[in-house]
Amino acid sequence: MLRQLQDLGPNLPLRLAVFIADDGQQDYLPATVSDVLNWA
C-alpha cells in the first residue's frame, strides 16, 4: 500500500480507519461515525 500511495500527489488527503475488535472485523464503519468524520 505504501508504494501505491507514494505514486500519488503529496497534497492528496489520506484517510485511514483502523478498528480492532476481539474477534476481528465486526461490520462496516457506522454511518453516524462517517458523518462525524465528514467522510463521503
N, C-alpha and C. Protein backbone atom coordinates (compact mmCIF):
# COMPACT_ATOMS: atom_id res chain seq x y z
N MET A 1 0.82 -1.17 0.00
CA MET A 1 0.00 0.00 0.00
C MET A 1 0.88 1.25 0.00
N LEU A 2 1.97 1.21 0.72
CA LEU A 2 2.85 2.39 0.76
C LEU A 2 3.39 2.74 -0.63
N ARG A 3 3.75 1.74 -1.41
CA ARG A 3 4.25 2.01 -2.76
C ARG A 3 3.18 2.68 -3.61
N GLN A 4 1.96 2.24 -3.50
CA GLN A 4 0.88 2.84 -4.27
C GLN A 4 0.63 4.28 -3.83
N LEU A 5 0.70 4.53 -2.54
CA LEU A 5 0.47 5.88 -2.03
C LEU A 5 1.60 6.83 -2.42
N GLN A 6 2.81 6.33 -2.53
CA GLN A 6 3.94 7.17 -2.90
C GLN A 6 3.81 7.72 -4.31
N ASP A 7 3.07 7.02 -5.17
CA ASP A 7 2.89 7.47 -6.55
C ASP A 7 1.83 8.55 -6.67
N LEU A 8 1.06 8.77 -5.62
CA LEU A 8 0.01 9.78 -5.65
C LEU A 8 0.57 11.14 -5.28
N GLY A 9 -0.20 12.18 -5.54
CA GLY A 9 0.24 13.54 -5.24
C GLY A 9 0.51 13.73 -3.75
N PRO A 10 1.54 14.51 -3.40
CA PRO A 10 1.89 14.70 -1.99
C PRO A 10 0.85 15.51 -1.21
N ASN A 11 -0.02 16.24 -1.88
CA ASN A 11 -1.04 17.04 -1.21
C ASN A 11 -2.39 16.36 -1.14
N LEU A 12 -2.46 15.12 -1.61
CA LEU A 12 -3.71 14.37 -1.61
C LEU A 12 -4.06 13.97 -0.18
N PRO A 13 -5.28 14.29 0.29
CA PRO A 13 -5.66 13.89 1.66
C PRO A 13 -5.76 12.37 1.76
N LEU A 14 -5.30 11.84 2.84
CA LEU A 14 -5.31 10.40 3.07
C LEU A 14 -6.08 10.12 4.35
N ARG A 15 -7.03 9.20 4.27
CA ARG A 15 -7.83 8.82 5.44
C ARG A 15 -7.69 7.33 5.64
N LEU A 16 -7.38 6.95 6.85
CA LEU A 16 -7.21 5.54 7.18
C LEU A 16 -7.97 5.26 8.47
N ALA A 17 -8.88 4.31 8.42
CA ALA A 17 -9.64 3.95 9.62
C ALA A 17 -9.23 2.53 10.01
N VAL A 18 -8.87 2.37 11.26
CA VAL A 18 -8.48 1.06 11.76
C VAL A 18 -9.31 0.79 13.02
N PHE A 19 -10.04 -0.29 13.01
CA PHE A 19 -10.83 -0.69 14.18
C PHE A 19 -10.41 -2.08 14.57
N ILE A 20 -9.99 -2.24 15.82
CA ILE A 20 -9.53 -3.54 16.31
C ILE A 20 -10.58 -4.07 17.28
N ALA A 21 -11.07 -5.25 16.99
CA ALA A 21 -12.05 -5.90 17.87
C ALA A 21 -11.48 -7.24 18.34
N ASP A 22 -12.05 -7.78 19.38
CA ASP A 22 -11.55 -9.05 19.91
C ASP A 22 -11.65 -10.18 18.91
N ASP A 23 -12.72 -10.22 18.14
CA ASP A 23 -12.95 -11.32 17.20
C ASP A 23 -12.77 -10.92 15.75
N GLY A 24 -12.02 -9.87 15.45
CA GLY A 24 -11.83 -9.43 14.08
C GLY A 24 -12.85 -8.39 13.67
N GLN A 25 -12.99 -8.18 12.39
CA GLN A 25 -13.90 -7.16 11.88
C GLN A 25 -15.33 -7.57 12.15
N GLN A 26 -16.09 -6.64 12.73
CA GLN A 26 -17.48 -6.92 13.05
C GLN A 26 -18.44 -6.44 11.96
N ASP A 27 -18.17 -5.26 11.42
CA ASP A 27 -19.07 -4.67 10.45
C ASP A 27 -18.38 -3.47 9.81
N TYR A 28 -19.06 -2.84 8.89
CA TYR A 28 -18.55 -1.62 8.28
C TYR A 28 -18.64 -0.46 9.26
N LEU A 29 -17.94 0.62 8.95
CA LEU A 29 -17.98 1.82 9.77
C LEU A 29 -19.41 2.35 9.82
N PRO A 30 -19.97 2.56 11.01
CA PRO A 30 -21.35 3.06 11.10
C PRO A 30 -21.50 4.43 10.41
N ALA A 31 -22.64 4.65 9.81
CA ALA A 31 -22.90 5.90 9.09
C ALA A 31 -22.75 7.12 9.99
N THR A 32 -23.16 6.99 11.25
CA THR A 32 -23.05 8.14 12.17
C THR A 32 -21.59 8.53 12.40
N VAL A 33 -20.70 7.55 12.45
CA VAL A 33 -19.27 7.83 12.65
C VAL A 33 -18.69 8.48 11.40
N SER A 34 -19.02 7.97 10.22
CA SER A 34 -18.52 8.57 8.98
C SER A 34 -19.05 9.98 8.81
N ASP A 35 -20.27 10.26 9.28
CA ASP A 35 -20.80 11.62 9.24
C ASP A 35 -20.01 12.55 10.15
N VAL A 36 -19.69 12.10 11.35
CA VAL A 36 -18.91 12.91 12.29
C VAL A 36 -17.53 13.19 11.72
N LEU A 37 -16.94 12.20 11.04
CA LEU A 37 -15.61 12.38 10.44
C LEU A 37 -15.67 13.13 9.13
N ASN A 38 -16.88 13.40 8.65
CA ASN A 38 -17.08 14.10 7.38
C ASN A 38 -16.50 13.32 6.20
N TRP A 39 -16.68 12.00 6.25
CA TRP A 39 -16.21 11.12 5.18
C TRP A 39 -17.35 10.89 4.20
N ALA A 40 -17.01 10.92 2.93
CA ALA A 40 -18.03 10.69 1.91
C ALA A 40 -18.25 9.21 1.69
